[in-house]
Amino acid sequence: MENPNTITSPDELREWMDELPIANPLLTAENLLLSLQLLNRHPGALSELPELLSLYLHMFGDLLDLLRSGTGKPSAVGRRARADLDETVQQINKELAFGYKRAILARQAIPMPREVAAEILTNGLNFLANE
């Protein structure tokens, strides 16, 4: 069944992402993961799926940049929170792999420009390889 909390509009997703507490990387990662899980389990075909995944990809990149900048170091986050954060980041990677796999399979039913299809294939392979 369709979950009413699933964000399927790129504009709504942008607004939601603007409200994420980026200063709290663990909470941001957990929210990002939950939202992406809901999207991946959405039962219907989504013509906006490539754009939605691109937004998740950029937010995930911003989160990784924040962690690499030092905010997410064990001394700043704490050992247990860092372990939770690392696990959540791995789960986000897995969900992105699933999302891109879904987009690749949906390519048959949803026409898209070649550039978009190439980006989906590239990103899907990258996340599957990371997984």
Protein backbone atom coordinates (compact mmCIF):
# COMPACT_ATOMS: atom_id res chain seq x y z
CA MET A 1 0.00 0.00 0.00
CA GLU A 2 1.04 3.54 -0.61
CA ASN A 3 2.37 5.31 2.49
CA PRO A 4 0.98 8.85 2.81
CA ASN A 5 4.34 10.02 4.22
CA THR A 6 6.17 9.18 1.00
CA ILE A 7 7.41 12.29 -0.75
CA THR A 8 6.92 11.85 -4.48
CA SER A 9 7.16 15.47 -5.60
CA PRO A 10 10.61 16.94 -6.29
CA ASP A 11 9.48 20.36 -5.03
CA GLU A 12 8.18 18.91 -1.76
CA LEU A 13 11.37 16.88 -1.37
CA ARG A 14 13.52 20.01 -1.82
CA GLU A 15 11.49 21.83 0.84
CA TRP A 16 11.74 18.86 3.20
CA MET A 17 15.51 18.60 2.67
CA ASP A 18 15.93 22.30 3.38
CA GLU A 19 14.48 21.64 6.84
CA LEU A 20 16.83 18.75 7.72
CA PRO A 21 19.03 19.43 10.77
CA ILE A 22 22.35 19.27 8.91
CA ALA A 23 24.17 20.34 12.10
CA ASN A 24 23.11 16.96 13.54
CA PRO A 25 24.53 14.47 11.02
CA LEU A 26 23.04 11.38 12.67
CA LEU A 27 19.50 12.78 12.75
CA THR A 28 19.86 14.03 9.18
CA ALA A 29 21.11 10.63 8.01
CA GLU A 30 18.29 8.79 9.82
CA ASN A 31 15.65 11.08 8.30
CA LEU A 32 17.20 10.76 4.86
CA LEU A 33 17.26 6.97 5.16
CA LEU A 34 13.63 6.72 6.26
CA SER A 35 12.43 8.98 3.48
CA LEU A 36 14.42 7.07 0.86
CA GLN A 37 13.11 3.73 2.19
CA LEU A 38 9.54 5.00 1.83
CA LEU A 39 10.24 6.12 -1.74
CA ASN A 40 11.82 2.79 -2.69
CA ARG A 41 8.81 0.92 -1.38
CA HIS A 42 6.26 3.14 -3.11
CA PRO A 43 4.09 0.76 -5.11
CA GLY A 44 3.40 2.88 -8.19
CA ALA A 45 5.55 3.93 -11.10
CA LEU A 46 7.03 7.40 -10.65
CA SER A 47 8.02 9.44 -13.68
CA GLU A 48 9.83 11.79 -11.25
CA LEU A 49 11.97 8.98 -9.80
CA PRO A 50 15.22 10.04 -11.55
CA GLU A 51 14.86 13.61 -10.27
CA LEU A 52 13.96 12.44 -6.76
CA LEU A 53 16.98 10.14 -6.66
CA SER A 54 19.18 12.98 -7.86
CA LEU A 55 17.99 15.10 -4.93
CA TYR A 56 18.74 12.28 -2.49
CA LEU A 57 22.13 11.82 -4.12
CA HIS A 58 23.03 15.48 -3.66
CA MET A 59 21.86 15.52 -0.05
CA PHE A 60 23.82 12.33 0.64
CA GLY A 61 26.88 13.98 -0.91
CA ASP A 62 26.38 17.05 1.31
CA LEU A 63 26.15 14.78 4.34
CA LEU A 64 29.35 12.94 3.38
CA ASP A 65 31.14 16.27 2.79
CA LEU A 66 30.06 17.41 6.25
CA LEU A 67 31.41 14.22 7.80
CA ARG A 68 34.70 14.52 5.91
CA SER A 69 35.09 18.13 7.02
CA GLY A 70 35.54 17.02 10.61
CA THR A 71 32.10 17.53 12.11
CA GLY A 72 31.55 13.80 12.14
CA LYS A 73 34.86 12.81 13.75
CA PRO A 74 34.53 10.47 16.74
CA SER A 75 35.62 13.21 19.13
CA ALA A 76 32.84 15.50 17.90
CA VAL A 77 30.11 12.87 17.63
CA GLY A 78 31.07 10.20 20.17
CA ARG A 79 32.04 6.60 19.48
CA ARG A 80 28.56 5.07 19.70
CA ALA A 81 26.94 7.83 17.69
CA ARG A 82 29.70 7.53 15.09
CA ALA A 83 29.06 3.78 14.79
CA ASP A 84 25.35 4.48 14.36
CA LEU A 85 26.15 7.16 11.79
CA ASP A 86 28.46 4.85 9.85
CA GLU A 87 25.77 2.15 9.79
CA THR A 88 23.12 4.63 8.65
CA VAL A 89 25.39 5.94 5.88
CA GLN A 90 25.88 2.36 4.67
CA GLN A 91 22.12 1.81 4.69
CA ILE A 92 21.58 5.02 2.70
CA ASN A 93 24.10 3.74 0.14
CA LYS A 94 22.13 0.47 -0.09
CA GLU A 95 18.83 2.31 -0.50
CA LEU A 96 20.30 4.51 -3.22
CA ALA A 97 21.47 1.34 -4.99
CA PHE A 98 17.92 -0.05 -4.73
CA GLY A 99 16.43 3.21 -5.94
CA TYR A 100 18.66 3.38 -8.98
CA LYS A 101 17.99 -0.28 -9.72
CA ARG A 102 14.28 0.52 -9.64
CA ALA A 103 14.83 3.49 -11.96
CA ILE A 104 16.81 1.30 -14.37
CA LEU A 105 13.97 -1.24 -14.46
CA ALA A 106 11.36 1.51 -14.83
CA ARG A 107 13.18 2.80 -17.89
CA GLN A 108 11.14 0.35 -19.97
CA ALA A 109 7.81 1.92 -18.94
CA ILE A 110 8.82 5.55 -18.41
CA PRO A 111 10.42 7.27 -21.40
CA MET A 112 13.41 9.43 -20.53
CA PRO A 113 16.19 11.24 -22.37
CA ARG A 114 19.38 9.31 -23.07
CA GLU A 115 21.40 11.55 -20.74
CA VAL A 116 19.08 10.76 -17.84
CA ALA A 117 19.18 7.05 -18.62
CA ALA A 118 23.00 7.15 -18.77
CA GLU A 119 23.15 8.97 -15.42
CA ILE A 120 20.79 6.44 -13.83
CA LEU A 121 22.85 3.53 -15.11
CA THR A 122 26.13 5.09 -13.96
CA ASN A 123 24.84 5.99 -10.51
CA GLY A 124 23.14 2.62 -10.12
CA LEU A 125 26.34 0.76 -10.95
CA ASN A 126 28.37 2.96 -8.61
CA PHE A 127 26.05 2.39 -5.65
CA LEU A 128 25.76 -1.32 -6.36
CA ALA A 129 29.56 -1.54 -6.50
CA ASN A 130 29.82 0.36 -3.20
CA GLU A 131 27.32 -2.01 -1.67
